[in-house]
Amino acid sequence: MTPLKEIQRLDEAKTRPDHTLSQRIKPRRQRRAELRKLQKPISSRKPAA
């Protein structure tokens, strides 16, 4: 039971490391980028489709 779960966790970490690592390492950059996107006028944004 436990070894299988551990292997699954490792596989998930390999397939998607951005969700865990990037958010921990550089959350400030992401927040700043999000704020910049929100501060930009809607007309300058690309249409979401």
Protein backbone atom coordinates (compact mmCIF):
# COMPACT_ATOMS: atom_id res chain seq x y z
CA MET A 1 0.00 0.00 0.00
CA THR A 2 2.53 2.61 1.09
CA PRO A 3 5.24 1.99 -1.56
CA LEU A 4 2.67 2.24 -4.36
CA LYS A 5 1.35 5.51 -2.97
CA GLU A 6 4.86 6.89 -2.65
CA ILE A 7 5.63 5.94 -6.26
CA GLN A 8 2.43 7.62 -7.43
CA ARG A 9 3.38 10.78 -5.54
CA LEU A 10 6.82 10.80 -7.15
CA ASP A 11 5.28 10.32 -10.60
CA GLU A 12 2.90 13.22 -10.01
CA ALA A 13 5.76 15.42 -8.85
CA LYS A 14 7.71 14.54 -12.03
CA THR A 15 4.80 15.16 -14.37
CA ARG A 16 3.82 18.52 -12.85
CA PRO A 17 6.64 20.12 -10.81
CA ASP A 18 5.52 23.66 -11.63
CA HIS A 19 2.46 23.54 -9.40
CA THR A 20 4.52 22.82 -6.28
CA LEU A 21 8.05 24.11 -6.88
CA SER A 22 7.52 27.30 -8.86
CA GLN A 23 4.87 28.60 -6.47
CA ARG A 24 7.16 28.04 -3.50
CA ILE A 25 10.34 29.36 -5.13
CA LYS A 26 9.02 32.49 -6.85
CA PRO A 27 5.53 33.45 -5.69
CA ARG A 28 6.37 37.16 -5.69
CA ARG A 29 7.08 37.23 -9.44
CA GLN A 30 3.79 35.47 -10.17
CA ARG A 31 1.87 37.90 -7.95
CA ARG A 32 3.53 40.89 -9.61
CA ALA A 33 2.75 39.52 -13.08
CA GLU A 34 -0.87 38.94 -12.09
CA LEU A 35 -1.13 42.48 -10.71
CA ARG A 36 0.34 43.87 -13.95
CA LYS A 37 -2.23 41.94 -16.00
CA LEU A 38 -5.05 43.25 -13.80
CA GLN A 39 -3.75 46.83 -13.96
CA LYS A 40 -3.58 46.81 -17.78
CA PRO A 41 -6.69 48.18 -19.50
CA ILE A 42 -9.07 45.59 -20.87
CA SER A 43 -8.65 46.91 -24.42
CA SER A 44 -4.95 45.96 -24.40
CA ARG A 45 -5.70 42.40 -23.29
CA LYS A 46 -6.05 39.68 -25.90
CA PRO A 47 -9.62 38.36 -26.24
CA ALA A 48 -10.03 35.15 -24.26
CA ALA A 49 -11.15 32.42 -26.67
